[in-house]
Amino acid sequence: MAAAGPRPSVLFVTDLAYEARGRRYCDEDIHLTSRLREDFDVALCHPRDAAALLDGFDAVVVRNSGPVLHYQEAYDAFCARARERDARVYNPLTGRGDMAGKQYLVDLSRAGFPVIPTVDRVADLGLLPEADGYVIKPKLGADSVGLRFVRHPELSPEEDGTQLIQPRIDFRYEVSFYFVDHDFQYALHAPHPERRWLLEPYAASAADLEFARSFVEWNTLDHGIQRVDACRTAQGELLLVELEDLNPYLSLDRVAEPVREAFTDRMKASLRDLLA
């Protein structure tokens, strides 16, 4: 019998010590790496070490590595090194959503997509509907870092162009749709708006999936994991909150075991396809 060829090697980028409100990121990545080891040789590293280590692996999987703004210089070095070496990165570094900052919310709002109305300059405040309050957050923010609520929308001169301004939306609940490549996997929702991470399975309708897929198609990523976050308004429509395409937390502990196993199988197939 001929000897089997070497297995592909994967550098799995995660911060197992990162503390997130209401979630245990490390548990999710322990589960994912245990399953990936069935098909790949896997090593874990902190995001600050990824640039120095990536040359030794066939692919780099970026998972629960925490907000990039906590290690921006190291992340920029990783991206530069990965592009220089033409490394296979999962997700690929061509994402147009949160991976590139939140400018896409301004662009999609201006283009008429169903997103929360968003502007980034004082000169454009007239494009927003009147509201009882507004949200201001950094374009390069994540995990609610720098988020603030105000009665009247305004920016200081040094903030102009660097912050997003959105009206506070009266919504029934938030819902997230999870995709591998362009294939829908499952949906979860937070039925209680004040408890964002108390998630329950959500039965997505055909219209819901058409909404979510429109943003996945817009993003043009051939491979990778995406989470489409939306809110259901009081009027019943869905509006995009965020298109997370860098390192979306998957809440795999909130789905049934068959759904979780199907997701990990699909992720492995996607990664094998990336390496083919």
Protein backbone atom coordinates (compact mmCIF):
# COMPACT_ATOMS: atom_id res chain seq x y z
CA MET A 1 0.00 0.00 0.00
CA ALA A 2 1.35 3.41 -0.94
CA ALA A 3 2.01 5.79 1.92
CA ALA A 4 -0.46 8.63 2.30
CA GLY A 5 0.81 12.04 1.32
CA PRO A 6 1.46 14.75 3.89
CA ARG A 7 -1.62 16.45 5.29
CA PRO A 8 -2.14 20.17 4.66
CA SER A 9 -0.97 22.37 7.52
CA VAL A 10 -3.08 25.16 8.99
CA LEU A 11 -2.03 28.06 11.19
CA PHE A 12 -5.12 28.85 13.27
CA VAL A 13 -5.03 32.45 14.52
CA THR A 14 -6.94 33.01 17.77
CA ASP A 15 -6.69 34.78 21.09
CA LEU A 16 -7.85 32.18 23.58
CA ALA A 17 -7.55 34.69 26.43
CA TYR A 18 -9.80 37.32 24.83
CA GLU A 19 -12.77 38.11 27.06
CA ALA A 20 -16.01 39.01 25.29
CA ARG A 21 -19.17 40.11 27.01
CA GLY A 22 -21.58 37.20 27.28
CA ARG A 23 -19.52 34.84 25.11
CA ARG A 24 -16.61 32.41 25.49
CA TYR A 25 -14.61 32.76 22.30
CA CYS A 26 -12.01 30.20 23.40
CA ASP A 27 -14.53 27.34 23.67
CA GLU A 28 -15.59 27.85 20.08
CA ASP A 29 -12.05 27.73 18.74
CA ILE A 30 -11.15 24.70 20.86
CA HIS A 31 -14.07 22.89 19.23
CA LEU A 32 -13.21 24.04 15.70
CA THR A 33 -9.54 23.09 15.95
CA SER A 34 -10.44 19.67 17.35
CA ARG A 35 -12.52 19.02 14.22
CA LEU A 36 -10.05 20.57 11.78
CA ARG A 37 -7.36 18.21 13.10
CA GLU A 38 -9.31 15.34 11.53
CA ASP A 39 -8.21 16.63 8.11
CA PHE A 40 -5.30 19.04 8.70
CA ASP A 41 -2.19 19.47 10.81
CA VAL A 42 -3.16 22.42 13.00
CA ALA A 43 -1.14 24.85 15.12
CA LEU A 44 -2.63 27.75 17.10
CA CYS A 45 -1.05 31.17 17.46
CA HIS A 46 -1.90 34.59 18.84
CA PRO A 47 -2.67 37.28 16.21
CA ARG A 48 0.48 39.17 17.21
CA ASP A 49 2.57 36.17 16.11
CA ALA A 50 0.81 35.40 12.81
CA ALA A 51 3.06 37.44 10.50
CA ALA A 52 6.22 35.72 11.75
CA LEU A 53 4.78 32.21 11.52
CA LEU A 54 2.63 32.13 8.38
CA ASP A 55 5.42 31.01 6.01
CA GLY A 56 5.51 27.56 7.56
CA PHE A 57 1.91 26.64 6.74
CA ASP A 58 -0.26 25.84 3.74
CA ALA A 59 -3.08 28.09 4.95
CA VAL A 60 -3.87 30.58 7.69
CA VAL A 61 -7.31 30.51 9.33
CA VAL A 62 -8.21 33.72 11.18
CA ARG A 63 -10.88 33.02 13.75
CA ASN A 64 -11.68 34.50 17.18
CA SER A 65 -8.69 36.83 17.27
CA GLY A 66 -10.47 39.79 18.91
CA PRO A 67 -10.88 43.36 17.62
CA VAL A 68 -8.03 44.29 15.27
CA LEU A 69 -7.77 47.76 16.82
CA HIS A 70 -6.17 46.09 19.88
CA TYR A 71 -3.20 45.00 17.74
CA GLN A 72 -3.50 47.13 14.59
CA GLU A 73 0.24 47.29 13.83
CA ALA A 74 0.61 43.51 14.10
CA TYR A 75 -2.47 42.94 11.92
CA ASP A 76 -1.19 45.34 9.25
CA ALA A 77 2.13 43.48 9.27
CA PHE A 78 0.31 40.16 8.90
CA CYS A 79 -1.73 41.41 5.94
CA ALA A 80 1.35 42.85 4.24
CA ARG A 81 3.30 39.63 4.75
CA ALA A 82 0.39 37.45 3.57
CA ARG A 83 -0.03 39.49 0.39
CA GLU A 84 3.70 39.55 -0.26
CA ARG A 85 3.87 35.74 0.05
CA ASP A 86 0.53 35.18 -1.73
CA ALA A 87 -0.51 33.15 1.31
CA ARG A 88 -3.85 31.36 1.43
CA VAL A 89 -5.76 33.18 4.14
CA TYR A 90 -9.20 32.16 5.38
CA ASN A 91 -11.08 34.43 5.14
CA PRO A 92 -9.25 35.87 2.11
CA LEU A 93 -8.08 39.44 2.68
CA THR A 94 -10.30 40.83 -0.09
CA GLY A 95 -13.46 41.23 2.03
CA ARG A 96 -15.43 44.44 1.54
CA GLY A 97 -17.28 44.29 4.88
CA ASP A 98 -15.88 44.82 8.38
CA MET A 99 -12.52 43.49 7.21
CA ALA A 100 -12.02 46.80 5.41
CA GLY A 101 -13.55 48.98 8.15
CA LYS A 102 -17.13 50.23 8.25
CA GLN A 103 -17.06 52.58 5.26
CA TYR A 104 -19.23 50.01 3.48
CA LEU A 105 -22.19 51.04 5.65
CA VAL A 106 -21.93 54.59 4.33
CA ASP A 107 -21.57 53.34 0.76
CA LEU A 108 -24.44 50.84 0.96
CA SER A 109 -26.70 53.41 2.61
CA ARG A 110 -25.97 55.92 -0.13
CA ALA A 111 -26.61 53.24 -2.77
CA GLY A 112 -30.06 52.47 -1.39
CA PHE A 113 -29.40 49.05 0.15
CA PRO A 114 -31.56 48.02 3.13
CA VAL A 115 -29.11 49.13 5.81
CA ILE A 116 -29.45 51.37 8.84
CA PRO A 117 -29.10 54.90 7.40
CA THR A 118 -25.46 55.87 7.85
CA VAL A 119 -23.30 58.93 7.17
CA ASP A 120 -19.77 59.83 8.20
CA ARG A 121 -19.63 63.59 7.66
CA VAL A 122 -21.38 66.56 9.19
CA ALA A 123 -22.21 67.83 5.69
CA ASP A 124 -24.35 64.71 5.12
CA LEU A 125 -26.40 64.81 8.32
CA GLY A 126 -29.41 65.94 6.31
CA LEU A 127 -29.50 62.50 4.69
CA LEU A 128 -30.47 60.89 7.99
CA PRO A 129 -34.09 60.62 9.12
CA GLU A 130 -35.09 62.47 12.26
CA ALA A 131 -34.85 60.31 15.36
CA ASP A 132 -35.09 60.57 19.14
CA GLY A 133 -31.41 59.72 19.40
CA TYR A 134 -28.35 58.78 17.37
CA VAL A 135 -25.43 56.36 17.53
CA ILE A 136 -21.85 57.45 16.84
CA LYS A 137 -19.12 54.82 16.45
CA PRO A 138 -15.63 54.65 14.93
CA LYS A 139 -15.26 53.36 11.38
CA LEU A 140 -12.46 51.11 12.56
CA GLY A 141 -14.23 50.06 15.75
CA ALA A 142 -15.38 46.62 16.85
CA ASP A 143 -17.16 44.96 19.75
CA SER A 144 -18.82 48.29 20.73
CA VAL A 145 -15.44 49.96 21.38
CA GLY A 146 -15.92 53.74 21.12
CA LEU A 147 -19.70 53.47 20.72
CA ARG A 148 -21.71 56.38 22.13
CA PHE A 149 -25.34 57.49 22.15
CA VAL A 150 -26.26 61.15 21.67
CA ARG A 151 -29.42 63.20 21.47
CA HIS A 152 -28.23 65.37 18.59
CA PRO A 153 -25.84 64.11 15.87
CA GLU A 154 -22.63 66.09 15.62
CA LEU A 155 -18.93 65.51 15.05
CA SER A 156 -15.90 67.54 16.01
CA PRO A 157 -13.69 68.68 13.09
CA GLU A 158 -11.09 66.00 13.85
CA GLU A 159 -13.79 63.30 13.90
CA ASP A 160 -15.32 64.26 10.56
CA GLY A 161 -14.94 61.34 8.16
CA THR A 162 -13.69 58.91 10.82
CA GLN A 163 -16.95 58.19 12.68
CA LEU A 164 -20.28 56.74 11.63
CA ILE A 165 -23.55 58.44 12.57
CA GLN A 166 -26.79 56.45 12.55
CA PRO A 167 -30.29 57.09 13.93
CA ARG A 168 -31.30 54.87 16.82
CA ILE A 169 -33.69 52.33 15.36
CA ASP A 170 -36.80 51.07 17.11
CA PHE A 171 -36.42 47.35 16.42
CA ARG A 172 -38.14 44.18 17.54
CA TYR A 173 -35.05 41.98 17.62
CA GLU A 174 -31.64 41.37 16.06
CA VAL A 175 -30.95 38.37 13.86
CA SER A 176 -27.75 36.92 12.42
CA PHE A 177 -27.34 34.74 9.34
CA TYR A 178 -24.25 32.54 9.07
CA PHE A 179 -22.70 31.52 5.75
CA VAL A 180 -19.77 29.36 4.64
CA ASP A 181 -18.69 30.48 1.19
CA HIS A 182 -22.10 31.41 -0.27
CA ASP A 183 -23.99 28.61 1.46
CA PHE A 184 -26.40 29.48 4.27
CA GLN A 185 -25.80 27.41 7.41
CA TYR A 186 -28.10 28.65 10.19
CA ALA A 187 -29.64 31.75 11.75
CA LEU A 188 -29.87 32.93 15.34
CA HIS A 189 -31.80 35.81 16.86
CA ALA A 190 -31.91 37.74 20.11
CA PRO A 191 -35.63 37.99 20.95
CA HIS A 192 -34.87 40.43 23.78
CA PRO A 193 -33.13 43.55 22.40
CA GLU A 194 -31.53 44.38 25.75
CA ARG A 195 -29.83 40.94 25.84
CA ARG A 196 -27.93 40.88 22.53
CA TRP A 197 -26.04 37.62 23.10
CA LEU A 198 -28.87 35.54 24.53
CA LEU A 199 -29.40 33.90 21.16
CA GLU A 200 -31.96 31.36 20.05
CA PRO A 201 -32.37 29.43 16.77
CA TYR A 202 -34.28 31.37 14.14
CA ALA A 203 -36.31 29.90 11.27
CA ALA A 204 -35.31 32.11 8.35
CA SER A 205 -37.94 32.74 5.68
CA ALA A 206 -37.23 32.83 1.96
CA ALA A 207 -37.39 36.65 2.11
CA ASP A 208 -34.94 36.69 5.03
CA LEU A 209 -32.46 34.58 3.10
CA GLU A 210 -32.81 36.71 0.00
CA PHE A 211 -31.98 39.75 2.16
CA ALA A 212 -28.92 38.08 3.73
CA ARG A 213 -27.64 36.60 0.48
CA SER A 214 -27.74 39.99 -1.23
CA PHE A 215 -24.93 41.16 1.06
CA VAL A 216 -22.94 37.94 0.77
CA GLU A 217 -23.12 38.27 -3.02
CA TRP A 218 -22.14 41.94 -2.81
CA ASN A 219 -19.06 40.99 -0.81
CA THR A 220 -17.72 38.69 -3.59
CA LEU A 221 -15.67 36.42 -1.26
CA ASP A 222 -15.22 33.03 -2.90
CA HIS A 223 -14.27 31.32 0.35
CA GLY A 224 -14.77 31.97 4.02
CA ILE A 225 -17.22 32.50 6.84
CA GLN A 226 -19.55 35.51 6.93
CA ARG A 227 -22.13 36.67 9.44
CA VAL A 228 -24.86 39.02 8.28
CA ASP A 229 -26.25 40.93 11.28
CA ALA A 230 -29.62 42.64 10.88
CA CYS A 231 -32.43 44.12 12.93
CA ARG A 232 -36.16 43.69 12.41
CA THR A 233 -37.75 47.13 12.61
CA ALA A 234 -41.08 47.89 14.25
CA GLN A 235 -42.49 48.09 10.70
CA GLY A 236 -41.29 44.53 9.96
CA GLU A 237 -38.41 45.15 7.53
CA LEU A 238 -34.87 43.90 7.93
CA LEU A 239 -31.99 46.39 7.96
CA LEU A 240 -28.32 45.48 7.86
CA VAL A 241 -26.42 46.25 11.05
CA GLU A 242 -23.07 44.72 10.12
CA LEU A 243 -21.42 42.45 7.57
CA GLU A 244 -18.77 40.61 9.57
CA ASP A 245 -16.23 38.97 7.26
CA LEU A 246 -12.99 39.07 9.24
CA ASN A 247 -13.41 36.92 12.35
CA PRO A 248 -17.13 36.58 13.10
CA TYR A 249 -18.03 34.85 16.34
CA LEU A 250 -20.27 31.94 15.39
CA SER A 251 -22.23 31.19 18.60
CA LEU A 252 -21.87 27.49 17.86
CA ASP A 253 -22.85 26.74 21.46
CA ARG A 254 -26.34 28.10 20.69
CA VAL A 255 -27.19 25.64 17.91
CA ALA A 256 -28.12 21.96 18.02
CA GLU A 257 -25.31 19.43 17.63
CA PRO A 258 -26.33 18.33 14.09
CA VAL A 259 -26.25 21.97 12.96
CA ARG A 260 -22.86 22.50 14.60
CA GLU A 261 -21.42 19.36 13.01
CA ALA A 262 -22.81 20.28 9.59
CA PHE A 263 -21.20 23.71 9.92
CA THR A 264 -17.77 22.31 10.80
CA ASP A 265 -17.98 19.77 7.96
CA ARG A 266 -18.83 22.57 5.52
CA MET A 267 -15.97 24.71 6.84
CA LYS A 268 -13.51 21.83 6.35
CA ALA A 269 -14.75 21.33 2.78
CA SER A 270 -14.36 25.05 2.10
CA LEU A 271 -10.82 25.05 3.44
CA ARG A 272 -9.91 21.99 1.37
CA ASP A 273 -11.30 23.77 -1.69
CA LEU A 274 -9.20 26.86 -0.91
CA LEU A 275 -6.10 24.66 -0.75
CA ALA A 276 -6.88 22.67 -3.90
